[in-house]
């Protein structure tokens, strides 16, 4: 059985809740704010959604990446 599904807007809101709980990120624009959640080919058992990288890779935040990976393991994107 696969992971439970959520709409892109729901996944975005879940991500934003967790990101904005990080004190130094409250009020900061992130790729989640700018690009939201997008479908991607899941390959062999991978996640079927991603957050597009819109900012400079030099500003990459491992804590945000970890939040995205955690939610990708919990939920699939509802593509219906």
C-alpha atoms as a PDB file:
ATOM      1  CA  UNK A   1       0.000   0.000   0.000  1.00  0.00           C
ATOM      2  CA  UNK A   2       1.279   3.455  -0.928  1.00  0.00           C
ATOM      3  CA  UNK A   3       1.547   6.565   1.127  1.00  0.00           C
ATOM      4  CA  UNK A   4      -1.526   8.699   1.811  1.00  0.00           C
ATOM      5  CA  UNK A   5      -2.050  11.453  -0.759  1.00  0.00           C
ATOM      6  CA  UNK A   6      -2.486  15.183  -0.380  1.00  0.00           C
ATOM      7  CA  UNK A   7      -3.245  17.965  -2.856  1.00  0.00           C
ATOM      8  CA  UNK A   8      -0.352  20.241  -3.813  1.00  0.00           C
ATOM      9  CA  UNK A   9      -1.847  23.110  -1.797  1.00  0.00           C
ATOM     10  CA  UNK A  10      -2.104  20.889   1.280  1.00  0.00           C
ATOM     11  CA  UNK A  11       1.500  19.733   0.952  1.00  0.00           C
ATOM     12  CA  UNK A  12       2.618  23.342   0.539  1.00  0.00           C
ATOM     13  CA  UNK A  13       0.766  24.365   3.700  1.00  0.00           C
ATOM     14  CA  UNK A  14       2.258  21.467   5.673  1.00  0.00           C
ATOM     15  CA  UNK A  15       5.727  22.459   4.486  1.00  0.00           C
ATOM     16  CA  UNK A  16       5.173  26.121   5.335  1.00  0.00           C
ATOM     17  CA  UNK A  17       3.926  25.284   8.828  1.00  0.00           C
ATOM     18  CA  UNK A  18       7.084  23.323   9.556  1.00  0.00           C
ATOM     19  CA  UNK A  19       9.423  25.825   7.898  1.00  0.00           C
ATOM     20  CA  UNK A  20       7.910  28.833   9.641  1.00  0.00           C
ATOM     21  CA  UNK A  21       8.298  27.056  12.978  1.00  0.00           C
ATOM     22  CA  UNK A  22      12.066  27.507  12.557  1.00  0.00           C
ATOM     23  CA  UNK A  23      12.723  30.803  14.372  1.00  0.00           C
ATOM     24  CA  UNK A  24      15.171  32.360  11.913  1.00  0.00           C
ATOM     25  CA  UNK A  25      12.917  31.525   8.944  1.00  0.00           C
ATOM     26  CA  UNK A  26       9.734  33.177  10.177  1.00  0.00           C
ATOM     27  CA  UNK A  27       8.776  35.753   7.552  1.00  0.00           C
ATOM     28  CA  UNK A  28      11.508  34.692   5.088  1.00  0.00           C
ATOM     29  CA  UNK A  29      10.598  33.728   1.534  1.00  0.00           C
ATOM     30  CA  UNK A  30      11.719  30.227   0.597  1.00  0.00           C
ATOM     31  CA  UNK A  31      11.424  28.135  -2.551  1.00  0.00           C
ATOM     32  CA  UNK A  32       8.307  26.602  -0.995  1.00  0.00           C
ATOM     33  CA  UNK A  33       6.748  30.079  -0.817  1.00  0.00           C
ATOM     34  CA  UNK A  34       7.826  30.942  -4.354  1.00  0.00           C
ATOM     35  CA  UNK A  35       7.392  27.661  -6.223  1.00  0.00           C
ATOM     36  CA  UNK A  36       5.078  25.475  -4.199  1.00  0.00           C
ATOM     37  CA  UNK A  37       4.886  21.748  -4.833  1.00  0.00           C
ATOM     38  CA  UNK A  38       5.198  20.180  -8.280  1.00  0.00           C
ATOM     39  CA  UNK A  39       4.631  16.664  -9.584  1.00  0.00           C
ATOM     40  CA  UNK A  40       7.683  14.677 -10.689  1.00  0.00           C
ATOM     41  CA  UNK A  41       8.238  11.196 -12.019  1.00  0.00           C
ATOM     42  CA  UNK A  42       8.705   9.080  -8.906  1.00  0.00           C
ATOM     43  CA  UNK A  43      11.025   6.543 -10.464  1.00  0.00           C
ATOM     44  CA  UNK A  44      11.438   3.338  -8.473  1.00  0.00           C
ATOM     45  CA  UNK A  45       9.472   3.951  -5.260  1.00  0.00           C
ATOM     46  CA  UNK A  46      10.551   7.575  -4.871  1.00  0.00           C
ATOM     47  CA  UNK A  47       8.502  10.657  -4.131  1.00  0.00           C
ATOM     48  CA  UNK A  48       6.125  11.865  -6.833  1.00  0.00           C
ATOM     49  CA  UNK A  49       6.499  15.540  -5.923  1.00  0.00           C
ATOM     50  CA  UNK A  50       9.213  18.097  -5.380  1.00  0.00           C
ATOM     51  CA  UNK A  51       9.770  21.770  -4.622  1.00  0.00           C
ATOM     52  CA  UNK A  52      11.452  23.538  -7.551  1.00  0.00           C
ATOM     53  CA  UNK A  53      14.754  25.244  -6.756  1.00  0.00           C
ATOM     54  CA  UNK A  54      14.283  28.925  -7.503  1.00  0.00           C
ATOM     55  CA  UNK A  55      16.876  30.488  -5.225  1.00  0.00           C
ATOM     56  CA  UNK A  56      20.655  30.540  -5.386  1.00  0.00           C
ATOM     57  CA  UNK A  57      22.001  27.121  -4.445  1.00  0.00           C
ATOM     58  CA  UNK A  58      24.471  28.908  -2.182  1.00  0.00           C
ATOM     59  CA  UNK A  59      21.576  29.730   0.136  1.00  0.00           C
ATOM     60  CA  UNK A  60      20.566  26.047   0.410  1.00  0.00           C
ATOM     61  CA  UNK A  61      19.227  25.191   3.864  1.00  0.00           C
ATOM     62  CA  UNK A  62      19.673  21.583   5.006  1.00  0.00           C
ATOM     63  CA  UNK A  63      16.870  22.022   7.552  1.00  0.00           C
ATOM     64  CA  UNK A  64      14.386  22.917   4.809  1.00  0.00           C
ATOM     65  CA  UNK A  65      15.622  20.038   2.636  1.00  0.00           C
ATOM     66  CA  UNK A  66      15.121  17.686   5.592  1.00  0.00           C
ATOM     67  CA  UNK A  67      11.539  18.931   6.091  1.00  0.00           C
ATOM     68  CA  UNK A  68      10.787  18.343   2.404  1.00  0.00           C
ATOM     69  CA  UNK A  69      12.275  14.826   2.477  1.00  0.00           C
ATOM     70  CA  UNK A  70      10.314  13.958   5.627  1.00  0.00           C
ATOM     71  CA  UNK A  71       7.027  15.002   4.047  1.00  0.00           C
ATOM     72  CA  UNK A  72       7.930  13.190   0.808  1.00  0.00           C
ATOM     73  CA  UNK A  73       8.291  10.004   2.858  1.00  0.00           C
ATOM     74  CA  UNK A  74       4.910  10.620   4.525  1.00  0.00           C
ATOM     75  CA  UNK A  75       2.729  11.735   1.594  1.00  0.00           C
ATOM     76  CA  UNK A  76       2.363  11.390  -2.144  1.00  0.00           C
ATOM     77  CA  UNK A  77       0.948  14.142  -4.326  1.00  0.00           C
ATOM     78  CA  UNK A  78      -2.664  13.513  -5.314  1.00  0.00           C
ATOM     79  CA  UNK A  79      -2.567  13.764  -9.102  1.00  0.00           C
ATOM     80  CA  UNK A  80      -6.264  13.101  -9.725  1.00  0.00           C
END
